[in-house]
Amino acid sequence: MRTPSFLLCLALLSGAASGPVTAAPHDNDAAQLLGWITRSGDARGVPFMVIDKGRAEILVYDRTGRFMGNSPALIGSAPGDHEVLGVGDRELSDIKPSERTTPAGRFVSIVGPSLGLGRVLWIHIPGAVALHPVITTHPEEERVERLRSPTPDDNRITYGCINISPTYYQEVVQPLFEPAGGLVYILPEERDLASTFPGYRAD
């Protein structure tokens, strides 16, 4: 996972070139962010997604900015936009409830191997934050049922990773991001957009 070629891919993604976003999201912050991505060309010609924690939803776009659909998601059980340094080196049982956040920001992301979950979309390697198919090893957590529920109120359950349906991961996310990676924008829930995304300018 930390081979030179893997890290080289991450470096190359930071300088890749972008097309227009062609579908609007549901809420204002996501719409404002996508407007900025369109005007600035910030996605730089690579696939990207916006993760809306408030709606517990991901919106996916291809390298031309074409909308590829949305999907419900499970997110970190603790509210907050900060990352917890070193959390990826600890046992899950040692991670405090207050540390189980899904950090906000702009992340260069790439599909790579994981321990026990196959190939996942690594969003933030130091924080061990990845997007992958929903985990079903603890039935009492009812993760599949939470994904299917009509509201986002019960979608906070993970240690910080993002869980989505296996079908959407395999048919949409993995094919787009597997070849060379892309960008993931995670909307804040406590900070504002300008302090979360360097260079952001509102309409």
Protein backbone atom coordinates (compact mmCIF):
# COMPACT_ATOMS: atom_id res chain seq x y z
CA MET A 1 0.00 0.00 0.00
CA ARG A 2 2.85 2.39 0.74
CA THR A 3 5.03 1.37 -2.22
CA PRO A 4 6.79 4.12 -4.19
CA SER A 5 4.54 3.50 -7.23
CA PHE A 6 1.41 3.86 -5.09
CA LEU A 7 2.62 7.17 -3.66
CA LEU A 8 3.70 8.30 -7.13
CA CYS A 9 0.13 7.84 -8.34
CA LEU A 10 -1.07 10.07 -5.50
CA ALA A 11 1.45 12.74 -6.45
CA LEU A 12 0.51 12.66 -10.14
CA LEU A 13 -3.18 13.06 -9.32
CA SER A 14 -2.48 16.41 -7.70
CA GLY A 15 -1.61 17.85 -11.07
CA ALA A 16 -3.95 16.24 -13.56
CA ALA A 17 -6.98 18.83 -16.04
CA SER A 18 -11.07 19.23 -15.63
CA GLY A 19 -14.45 19.52 -17.26
CA PRO A 20 -17.82 20.88 -16.20
CA VAL A 21 -19.98 19.38 -13.49
CA THR A 22 -23.27 18.42 -15.12
CA ALA A 23 -25.63 17.63 -12.23
CA ALA A 24 -26.68 19.54 -9.15
CA PRO A 25 -26.71 18.05 -5.64
CA HIS A 26 -29.50 18.34 -3.12
CA ASP A 27 -28.26 20.86 -0.56
CA ASN A 28 -26.72 24.30 -0.69
CA ASP A 29 -23.22 23.51 0.60
CA ALA A 30 -22.80 20.71 -1.93
CA ALA A 31 -24.15 22.94 -4.70
CA GLN A 32 -21.76 25.74 -3.71
CA LEU A 33 -18.82 23.35 -3.64
CA LEU A 34 -19.66 21.86 -7.02
CA GLY A 35 -20.05 25.36 -8.46
CA TRP A 36 -16.52 26.14 -7.31
CA ILE A 37 -15.16 22.86 -8.70
CA THR A 38 -16.73 23.76 -12.06
CA ARG A 39 -15.47 27.36 -12.17
CA SER A 40 -11.98 26.62 -10.91
CA GLY A 41 -11.37 23.28 -12.63
CA ASP A 42 -10.22 22.00 -9.25
CA ALA A 43 -10.94 18.35 -10.13
CA ARG A 44 -8.26 18.59 -12.85
CA GLY A 45 -9.67 16.03 -15.23
CA VAL A 46 -9.92 13.09 -12.82
CA PRO A 47 -13.00 11.31 -11.41
CA PHE A 48 -14.27 12.78 -8.17
CA MET A 49 -16.97 12.45 -5.58
CA VAL A 50 -18.59 14.66 -2.97
CA ILE A 51 -19.47 13.08 0.36
CA ASP A 52 -22.27 14.95 2.11
CA LYS A 53 -22.14 13.91 5.76
CA GLY A 54 -25.32 15.78 6.65
CA ARG A 55 -27.32 13.79 4.10
CA ALA A 56 -25.19 10.63 4.51
CA GLU A 57 -24.82 10.50 0.75
CA ILE A 58 -22.12 10.33 -1.91
CA LEU A 59 -22.34 11.99 -5.34
CA VAL A 60 -20.02 10.62 -8.01
CA TYR A 61 -18.69 12.27 -11.18
CA ASP A 62 -16.49 10.97 -13.97
CA ARG A 63 -13.38 12.71 -15.27
CA THR A 64 -15.45 14.95 -17.60
CA GLY A 65 -17.68 16.10 -14.75
CA ARG A 66 -20.61 13.92 -15.82
CA PHE A 67 -22.85 12.94 -12.91
CA MET A 68 -22.68 9.17 -12.34
CA GLY A 69 -25.30 8.97 -9.62
CA ASN A 70 -25.64 9.15 -5.87
CA SER A 71 -25.82 6.55 -3.13
CA PRO A 72 -26.58 6.51 0.61
CA ALA A 73 -23.56 6.04 2.86
CA LEU A 74 -22.66 5.20 6.42
CA ILE A 75 -20.20 7.58 8.10
CA GLY A 76 -18.28 8.04 11.33
CA SER A 77 -20.40 7.77 14.46
CA ALA A 78 -18.94 10.94 16.02
CA PRO A 79 -19.74 14.39 14.59
CA GLY A 80 -16.76 16.52 13.66
CA ASP A 81 -14.54 17.43 10.74
CA HIS A 82 -11.11 16.79 12.25
CA GLU A 83 -8.85 13.83 11.65
CA VAL A 84 -7.40 11.84 14.54
CA LEU A 85 -3.67 11.42 14.04
CA GLY A 86 -2.35 7.90 14.50
CA VAL A 87 -5.77 6.30 14.66
CA GLY A 88 -4.83 3.95 11.83
CA ASP A 89 -2.14 2.36 13.98
CA ARG A 90 -4.49 1.48 16.84
CA GLU A 91 -6.87 -1.38 17.52
CA LEU A 92 -10.52 -0.53 16.91
CA SER A 93 -11.25 -1.17 20.58
CA ASP A 94 -8.75 1.56 21.51
CA ILE A 95 -10.48 4.25 19.44
CA LYS A 96 -12.63 6.43 21.69
CA PRO A 97 -16.21 7.20 20.59
CA SER A 98 -15.28 10.88 20.22
CA GLU A 99 -12.50 9.94 17.80
CA ARG A 100 -14.73 8.11 15.32
CA THR A 101 -15.07 11.02 12.91
CA THR A 102 -15.11 11.20 9.14
CA PRO A 103 -12.72 14.10 8.43
CA ALA A 104 -13.74 16.88 6.05
CA GLY A 105 -11.54 18.16 3.24
CA ARG A 106 -10.15 17.50 -0.23
CA PHE A 107 -8.37 14.17 -0.54
CA VAL A 108 -6.34 12.63 -3.34
CA SER A 109 -7.68 9.07 -3.30
CA ILE A 110 -6.83 5.78 -4.97
CA VAL A 111 -8.00 2.17 -4.91
CA GLY A 112 -5.61 -0.12 -3.09
CA PRO A 113 -5.41 -3.26 -0.95
CA SER A 114 -6.64 -3.47 2.62
CA LEU A 115 -6.57 -5.99 5.43
CA GLY A 116 -9.68 -8.12 5.17
CA LEU A 117 -11.79 -5.87 2.92
CA GLY A 118 -10.25 -6.45 -0.48
CA ARG A 119 -9.50 -3.42 -2.64
CA VAL A 120 -10.94 -0.24 -1.16
CA LEU A 121 -10.87 3.43 -2.12
CA TRP A 122 -8.26 4.93 0.21
CA ILE A 123 -9.32 8.48 1.00
CA HIS A 124 -6.88 9.37 3.76
CA ILE A 125 -4.22 6.77 4.44
CA PRO A 126 -2.67 8.32 7.62
CA GLY A 127 -6.11 8.41 9.21
CA ALA A 128 -7.05 4.97 7.84
CA VAL A 129 -10.16 6.46 6.19
CA ALA A 130 -11.45 4.46 3.24
CA LEU A 131 -14.65 4.02 1.25
CA HIS A 132 -15.70 0.40 0.77
CA PRO A 133 -18.71 -1.93 0.60
CA VAL A 134 -20.77 -2.07 3.76
CA ILE A 135 -19.41 -4.36 6.49
CA THR A 136 -21.73 -7.15 7.63
CA THR A 137 -19.50 -8.97 10.13
CA HIS A 138 -21.40 -7.51 13.11
CA PRO A 139 -25.10 -8.12 12.39
CA GLU A 140 -26.14 -6.36 15.58
CA GLU A 141 -25.00 -3.04 14.03
CA GLU A 142 -27.64 -3.43 11.28
CA ARG A 143 -25.46 -1.60 8.77
CA VAL A 144 -27.35 -2.88 5.71
CA GLU A 145 -30.65 -1.85 7.27
CA ARG A 146 -29.24 1.58 8.10
CA LEU A 147 -28.21 2.08 4.47
CA ARG A 148 -31.72 1.18 3.32
CA SER A 149 -33.56 3.40 5.79
CA PRO A 150 -35.32 6.43 4.27
CA THR A 151 -33.52 9.06 6.38
CA PRO A 152 -29.85 9.75 7.26
CA ASP A 153 -30.62 9.82 10.99
CA ASP A 154 -29.26 6.31 11.63
CA ASN A 155 -26.30 6.39 9.23
CA ARG A 156 -23.65 7.27 11.81
CA ILE A 157 -22.13 3.95 12.81
CA THR A 158 -18.56 3.56 11.49
CA TYR A 159 -15.16 4.34 13.00
CA GLY A 160 -14.63 6.99 10.31
CA CYS A 161 -14.71 5.03 7.06
CA ILE A 162 -17.50 5.41 4.53
CA ASN A 163 -19.63 2.33 3.79
CA ILE A 164 -21.82 2.06 0.69
CA SER A 165 -23.72 -0.74 -1.03
CA PRO A 166 -21.53 -3.43 -2.61
CA THR A 167 -23.35 -3.04 -5.93
CA TYR A 168 -22.72 0.70 -6.17
CA TYR A 169 -19.09 0.26 -5.15
CA GLN A 170 -18.45 -2.49 -7.71
CA GLU A 171 -20.42 -1.00 -10.59
CA VAL A 172 -19.67 2.73 -10.21
CA VAL A 173 -16.95 3.68 -7.74
CA GLN A 174 -14.33 1.01 -8.33
CA PRO A 175 -14.36 1.18 -12.16
CA LEU A 176 -13.98 4.96 -12.07
CA PHE A 177 -11.25 5.16 -9.44
CA GLU A 178 -9.39 1.87 -9.99
CA PRO A 179 -7.25 2.89 -13.00
CA ALA A 180 -5.53 5.95 -11.56
CA GLY A 181 -7.51 7.31 -8.61
CA GLY A 182 -9.29 10.62 -8.25
CA LEU A 183 -10.43 13.23 -5.75
CA VAL A 184 -12.82 12.97 -2.82
CA TYR A 185 -14.35 16.09 -1.32
CA ILE A 186 -15.92 15.56 2.12
CA LEU A 187 -18.23 18.37 3.15
CA PRO A 188 -17.76 19.81 6.64
CA GLU A 189 -20.48 19.77 9.25
CA GLU A 190 -18.90 22.16 11.77
CA ARG A 191 -16.46 24.27 9.74
CA ASP A 192 -17.28 26.43 6.72
CA LEU A 193 -16.35 25.65 3.13
CA ALA A 194 -13.66 28.31 2.86
CA SER A 195 -11.67 26.99 5.80
CA THR A 196 -12.09 23.38 4.63
CA PHE A 197 -11.12 23.72 0.97
CA PRO A 198 -8.09 25.92 0.20
CA GLY A 199 -8.84 28.20 -2.73
CA TYR A 200 -12.60 27.93 -2.36
CA ARG A 201 -14.57 31.03 -3.36
CA ALA A 202 -18.34 31.26 -3.01
CA ASP A 203 -20.57 32.57 -5.79
